[in-house]
Amino acid sequence: MELDPFPNKPAGEFICNVISNDWVNEEYKLVVLGAHKKALTAVAGQFFHLLCPTPDGAEVWMRRPMSVYRVDQSGGRIEFLYKSEGRGTRGIATLKSGDEFNIAGPLGVGFWLEPDWKNIVVLGRGVGLATLAPLSQMAFEAGVNVTALLSARNRDVVMSRDLFESYNADVIELIDTDGSSDVSNVKNIIEGLIKDQKADAFFTCGSNRLLNLLKDQGRKYGIPGQVAMEQLMVCGVGACYVCVRTFNVNNERVLRRVCREGPVFKMEETVGW
């Protein structure tokens, strides 16, 4: 049995105060919570299980997993960036300043940085960028340079650019409407970064197409990577096995729970779906 990479990370259930819950563009909102100090131990890539209110007042019987967007330990705040579309997230969208919000966590395995990595490439799309954005702070504090490739349908819904740039990341937008998000163009950008020695490791979330591209490049050039997996979850703590996926470890197929052994995994061990 594998050891938990974060054995000393406390998890608990917390009643947080909503500080703000505002739209950041036409599709996404950012909810900012005043949180207990134990909740503020969350690292990039970990998630919380949120007890969402519902728009019609009915009880929600399952919590919703959501990755951490930002943790402000000095200010006692934790932030979640989300798209208001399903029953749970539409419920979150109704929260107002001063409301209480029940969250459980931090849960799962987050991202990690190896000591010899000096330059990393972050490639994500849509809400997957909310999961990747905290990497910019982690890398900044470790003295690691970040090139962030942000993919979206159009420039109006590009996520997290301000947060990446606030931690000195080099940002490149990849947009569907101008063709810059085309796989061939993204591949050329990645190969240019590799040639310039700006890609010691890859990180991704939010697109199987981009994951497969990075896996191919990693395999070709011997570059490791990590991926935050998106998967349906129920319990969030590894008990129900709803989120099990297949991985290729040392040429053997292995079943792992995304909520417990992940949601962050080594990119080279993922199996296409």
Protein backbone atom coordinates (compact mmCIF):
# COMPACT_ATOMS: atom_id res chain seq x y z
CA MET A 1 0.00 0.00 0.00
CA GLU A 2 1.35 3.43 -0.94
CA LEU A 3 2.06 6.01 1.73
CA ASP A 4 -0.01 9.17 1.81
CA PRO A 5 2.24 11.98 0.47
CA PHE A 6 0.59 14.39 2.90
CA PRO A 7 0.20 12.33 6.11
CA ASN A 8 0.24 15.37 8.39
CA LYS A 9 -2.36 17.41 6.55
CA PRO A 10 -5.39 17.74 8.84
CA ALA A 11 -8.84 17.35 7.34
CA GLY A 12 -12.03 18.40 9.02
CA GLU A 13 -15.49 19.89 8.60
CA PHE A 14 -15.63 23.66 8.88
CA ILE A 15 -18.35 26.31 8.93
CA CYS A 16 -16.98 29.23 6.95
CA ASN A 17 -18.26 32.77 6.57
CA VAL A 18 -18.86 34.01 3.04
CA ILE A 19 -16.87 37.20 2.48
CA SER A 20 -17.79 37.69 -1.17
CA ASN A 21 -19.23 35.75 -4.09
CA ASP A 22 -18.81 37.73 -7.29
CA TRP A 23 -18.79 37.14 -11.02
CA VAL A 24 -15.33 37.32 -12.62
CA ASN A 25 -16.65 36.98 -16.17
CA GLU A 26 -19.84 35.89 -17.94
CA GLU A 27 -19.50 32.25 -16.85
CA TYR A 28 -17.46 32.00 -13.63
CA LYS A 29 -17.80 33.23 -10.06
CA LEU A 30 -15.27 33.48 -7.23
CA VAL A 31 -16.41 32.73 -3.70
CA VAL A 32 -14.14 33.95 -0.90
CA LEU A 33 -14.52 32.39 2.55
CA GLY A 34 -13.20 33.21 5.98
CA ALA A 35 -11.87 29.84 7.09
CA HIS A 36 -10.42 27.95 10.07
CA LYS A 37 -6.61 27.76 10.19
CA LYS A 38 -6.71 24.00 9.55
CA ALA A 39 -8.55 24.57 6.28
CA LEU A 40 -5.80 26.99 5.30
CA THR A 41 -3.23 24.16 5.22
CA ALA A 42 -4.55 23.12 1.77
CA VAL A 43 -1.97 22.89 -1.01
CA ALA A 44 -2.41 23.40 -4.75
CA GLY A 45 -4.31 20.50 -6.30
CA GLN A 46 -6.13 19.43 -3.15
CA PHE A 47 -9.89 19.81 -2.90
CA PHE A 48 -12.72 20.39 -0.45
CA HIS A 49 -16.12 18.72 -0.31
CA LEU A 50 -18.72 21.49 -0.30
CA LEU A 51 -22.20 21.21 1.20
CA CYS A 52 -24.02 23.28 -1.38
CA PRO A 53 -27.32 25.06 -0.84
CA THR A 54 -29.86 24.57 -3.62
CA PRO A 55 -31.69 27.24 -5.59
CA ASP A 56 -35.10 25.69 -4.80
CA GLY A 57 -34.34 25.04 -1.14
CA ALA A 58 -34.29 21.25 -1.47
CA GLU A 59 -31.66 19.32 0.43
CA VAL A 60 -28.52 18.27 -1.47
CA TRP A 61 -27.62 14.72 -0.45
CA MET A 62 -24.12 14.70 -1.94
CA ARG A 63 -21.34 17.20 -1.35
CA ARG A 64 -19.58 18.66 -4.37
CA PRO A 65 -15.78 18.34 -4.72
CA MET A 66 -14.02 21.55 -5.69
CA SER A 67 -10.31 22.26 -5.98
CA VAL A 68 -8.71 25.11 -4.09
CA TYR A 69 -8.16 28.28 -6.11
CA ARG A 70 -6.23 30.33 -3.59
CA VAL A 71 -5.31 30.18 0.09
CA ASP A 72 -4.48 33.39 1.94
CA GLN A 73 -3.09 32.22 5.26
CA SER A 74 -2.29 35.70 6.56
CA GLY A 75 -5.81 36.89 5.78
CA GLY A 76 -7.51 33.69 6.95
CA ARG A 77 -9.23 33.22 3.59
CA ILE A 78 -9.77 30.43 1.10
CA GLU A 79 -11.14 30.90 -2.43
CA PHE A 80 -12.97 28.70 -4.94
CA LEU A 81 -13.45 29.58 -8.59
CA TYR A 82 -16.41 27.83 -10.19
CA LYS A 83 -18.74 27.73 -13.16
CA SER A 84 -22.40 28.07 -12.21
CA GLU A 85 -24.08 25.33 -14.24
CA GLY A 86 -25.06 22.25 -12.20
CA ARG A 87 -27.44 22.01 -9.25
CA GLY A 88 -24.66 22.31 -6.68
CA THR A 89 -22.77 25.21 -8.23
CA ARG A 90 -26.01 27.08 -8.93
CA GLY A 91 -26.63 26.77 -5.21
CA ILE A 92 -23.19 28.16 -4.40
CA ALA A 93 -23.97 31.08 -6.70
CA THR A 94 -26.83 32.10 -4.37
CA LEU A 95 -24.54 32.61 -1.36
CA LYS A 96 -24.22 36.17 -0.11
CA SER A 97 -21.74 37.99 2.09
CA GLY A 98 -22.34 36.96 5.70
CA ASP A 99 -23.83 33.54 4.87
CA GLU A 100 -22.38 30.37 6.36
CA PHE A 101 -20.93 27.65 4.13
CA ASN A 102 -20.03 24.12 5.22
CA ILE A 103 -16.83 22.70 3.70
CA ALA A 104 -14.87 19.51 4.44
CA GLY A 105 -11.16 19.07 3.75
CA PRO A 106 -8.50 19.60 2.63
CA LEU A 107 -8.68 16.24 0.85
CA GLY A 108 -6.57 14.25 -1.58
CA VAL A 109 -3.05 14.54 -2.94
CA GLY A 110 -1.94 17.86 -4.36
CA PHE A 111 0.82 18.95 -6.72
CA TRP A 112 4.47 18.70 -5.74
CA LEU A 113 7.73 20.20 -7.00
CA GLU A 114 11.02 18.33 -7.22
CA PRO A 115 14.16 20.16 -5.98
CA ASP A 116 15.87 20.10 -9.39
CA TRP A 117 12.97 21.68 -11.28
CA LYS A 118 13.73 25.30 -12.15
CA ASN A 119 11.20 25.85 -14.96
CA ILE A 120 7.75 24.31 -15.32
CA VAL A 121 5.03 24.47 -17.96
CA VAL A 122 1.38 24.70 -16.93
CA LEU A 123 -1.19 23.91 -19.62
CA GLY A 124 -4.92 23.97 -18.91
CA ARG A 125 -8.33 24.83 -20.23
CA GLY A 126 -11.56 26.20 -18.82
CA VAL A 127 -12.27 25.51 -15.18
CA GLY A 128 -9.18 23.28 -15.12
CA LEU A 129 -7.20 26.50 -14.85
CA ALA A 130 -8.77 27.11 -11.44
CA THR A 131 -7.07 23.92 -10.24
CA LEU A 132 -3.73 24.83 -11.82
CA ALA A 133 -3.61 28.49 -10.76
CA PRO A 134 -2.36 27.86 -7.18
CA LEU A 135 0.73 26.25 -8.69
CA SER A 136 1.92 29.75 -9.57
CA GLN A 137 2.19 30.67 -5.89
CA MET A 138 3.78 27.33 -4.97
CA ALA A 139 6.37 27.73 -7.72
CA PHE A 140 7.03 31.39 -6.91
CA GLU A 141 7.73 30.57 -3.27
CA ALA A 142 10.09 27.76 -4.36
CA GLY A 143 11.97 29.96 -6.83
CA VAL A 144 10.63 28.05 -9.85
CA ASN A 145 9.78 29.84 -13.10
CA VAL A 146 6.35 29.19 -14.65
CA THR A 147 5.15 29.38 -18.23
CA ALA A 148 1.34 29.22 -18.17
CA LEU A 149 -0.56 28.28 -21.33
CA LEU A 150 -4.20 29.25 -20.81
CA SER A 151 -6.74 27.77 -23.24
CA ALA A 152 -10.33 28.96 -23.72
CA ARG A 153 -13.09 29.36 -26.32
CA ASN A 154 -12.59 33.12 -26.43
CA ARG A 155 -10.62 35.78 -24.57
CA ASP A 156 -13.59 36.82 -22.45
CA VAL A 157 -13.55 33.52 -20.56
CA VAL A 158 -9.79 33.01 -20.15
CA MET A 159 -9.34 32.02 -16.52
CA SER A 160 -6.74 32.97 -13.90
CA ARG A 161 -4.43 35.17 -15.97
CA ASP A 162 -4.21 37.82 -13.23
CA LEU A 163 -3.33 35.26 -10.57
CA PHE A 164 -0.59 33.67 -12.68
CA GLU A 165 0.89 37.06 -13.55
CA SER A 166 0.80 38.20 -9.92
CA TYR A 167 3.37 35.46 -9.25
CA ASN A 168 5.55 36.42 -12.24
CA ALA A 169 4.43 33.63 -14.56
CA ASP A 170 4.89 34.08 -18.30
CA VAL A 171 1.37 33.76 -19.74
CA ILE A 172 0.39 32.65 -23.24
CA GLU A 173 -3.29 32.59 -24.22
CA LEU A 174 -4.57 29.83 -26.52
CA ILE A 175 -7.90 30.82 -28.03
CA ASP A 176 -10.31 28.82 -30.19
CA THR A 177 -11.61 31.82 -32.11
CA ASP A 178 -8.19 32.81 -33.50
CA GLY A 179 -6.95 29.24 -33.94
CA SER A 180 -4.09 29.53 -31.44
CA SER A 181 -5.51 26.65 -29.37
CA ASP A 182 -5.05 24.25 -32.29
CA VAL A 183 -3.04 21.20 -31.24
CA SER A 184 -0.36 21.77 -33.86
CA ASN A 185 0.24 25.32 -32.61
CA VAL A 186 0.31 24.25 -28.96
CA LYS A 187 2.77 21.49 -29.85
CA ASN A 188 5.06 24.03 -31.52
CA ILE A 189 4.95 26.25 -28.43
CA ILE A 190 5.75 23.31 -26.15
CA GLU A 191 8.66 22.20 -28.32
CA GLY A 192 9.98 25.77 -28.33
CA LEU A 193 9.91 25.85 -24.53
CA ILE A 194 11.72 22.52 -24.40
CA LYS A 195 14.38 23.81 -26.80
CA ASP A 196 14.83 26.90 -24.61
CA GLN A 197 15.19 24.68 -21.52
CA LYS A 198 12.05 26.10 -19.92
CA ALA A 199 10.28 22.77 -19.38
CA ASP A 200 11.62 20.65 -16.53
CA ALA A 201 8.09 19.36 -15.85
CA PHE A 202 4.56 19.58 -17.23
CA PHE A 203 1.31 20.21 -15.33
CA THR A 204 -2.21 20.02 -16.74
CA CYS A 205 -5.92 19.82 -15.98
CA GLY A 206 -9.17 20.30 -17.87
CA SER A 207 -8.59 18.73 -21.30
CA ASN A 208 -7.90 15.17 -22.42
CA ARG A 209 -6.60 16.54 -25.71
CA LEU A 210 -3.99 18.65 -23.94
CA LEU A 211 -3.14 15.82 -21.54
CA ASN A 212 -2.41 13.49 -24.44
CA LEU A 213 -0.27 16.14 -26.12
CA LEU A 214 1.85 16.63 -22.99
CA LYS A 215 2.14 12.88 -22.45
CA ASP A 216 3.49 12.49 -25.98
CA GLN A 217 5.97 15.32 -25.51
CA GLY A 218 7.01 14.03 -22.11
CA ARG A 219 7.60 10.57 -23.50
CA LYS A 220 9.56 11.93 -26.46
CA TYR A 221 11.84 14.23 -24.46
CA GLY A 222 11.94 12.45 -21.09
CA ILE A 223 10.05 15.19 -19.24
CA PRO A 224 7.91 14.22 -16.21
CA GLY A 225 4.49 15.63 -15.54
CA GLN A 226 1.48 15.75 -13.25
CA VAL A 227 -2.22 15.88 -14.00
CA ALA A 228 -5.16 16.80 -11.77
CA MET A 229 -7.92 14.35 -12.68
CA GLU A 230 -11.56 15.37 -12.93
CA GLN A 231 -13.89 12.59 -11.83
CA LEU A 232 -17.33 12.02 -10.30
CA MET A 233 -16.97 11.62 -6.52
CA VAL A 234 -19.38 10.74 -3.73
CA CYS A 235 -17.63 10.28 -0.38
CA GLY A 236 -14.41 12.16 -1.16
CA VAL A 237 -12.35 10.09 1.30
CA GLY A 238 -11.81 6.81 -0.54
CA ALA A 239 -14.52 4.70 1.07
CA CYS A 240 -17.08 4.31 -1.73
CA TYR A 241 -14.80 3.59 -4.72
CA VAL A 242 -17.04 5.52 -7.13
CA CYS A 243 -14.08 7.52 -8.47
CA VAL A 244 -11.77 4.58 -9.28
CA ARG A 245 -9.77 4.86 -12.51
CA THR A 246 -7.24 2.65 -14.25
CA PHE A 247 -3.55 3.61 -14.32
CA ASN A 248 -0.48 2.07 -15.91
CA VAL A 249 2.21 1.61 -13.25
CA ASN A 250 5.40 -0.24 -14.23
CA ASN A 251 3.54 -1.77 -17.20
CA GLU A 252 0.77 -3.12 -14.97
CA ARG A 253 -2.83 -1.92 -14.86
CA VAL A 254 -3.63 -0.56 -11.39
CA LEU A 255 -6.91 0.75 -9.96
CA ARG A 256 -6.68 3.95 -7.93
CA ARG A 257 -9.18 6.22 -6.22
CA VAL A 258 -9.06 9.73 -7.61
CA CYS A 259 -10.21 11.25 -4.32
CA ARG A 260 -7.63 9.47 -2.17
CA GLU A 261 -4.57 8.52 -4.22
CA GLY A 262 -5.21 11.65 -6.33
CA PRO A 263 -6.64 13.85 -7.67
CA VAL A 264 -3.07 14.65 -8.76
CA PHE A 265 -1.22 11.79 -10.45
CA LYS A 266 1.96 11.31 -12.43
CA MET A 267 1.05 12.12 -16.01
CA GLU A 268 2.90 9.17 -17.49
CA GLU A 269 0.79 6.71 -15.47
CA THR A 270 -2.57 7.90 -16.79
CA VAL A 271 -4.55 5.78 -19.24
CA GLY A 272 -6.54 7.39 -22.06
CA TRP A 273 -10.32 7.64 -21.80
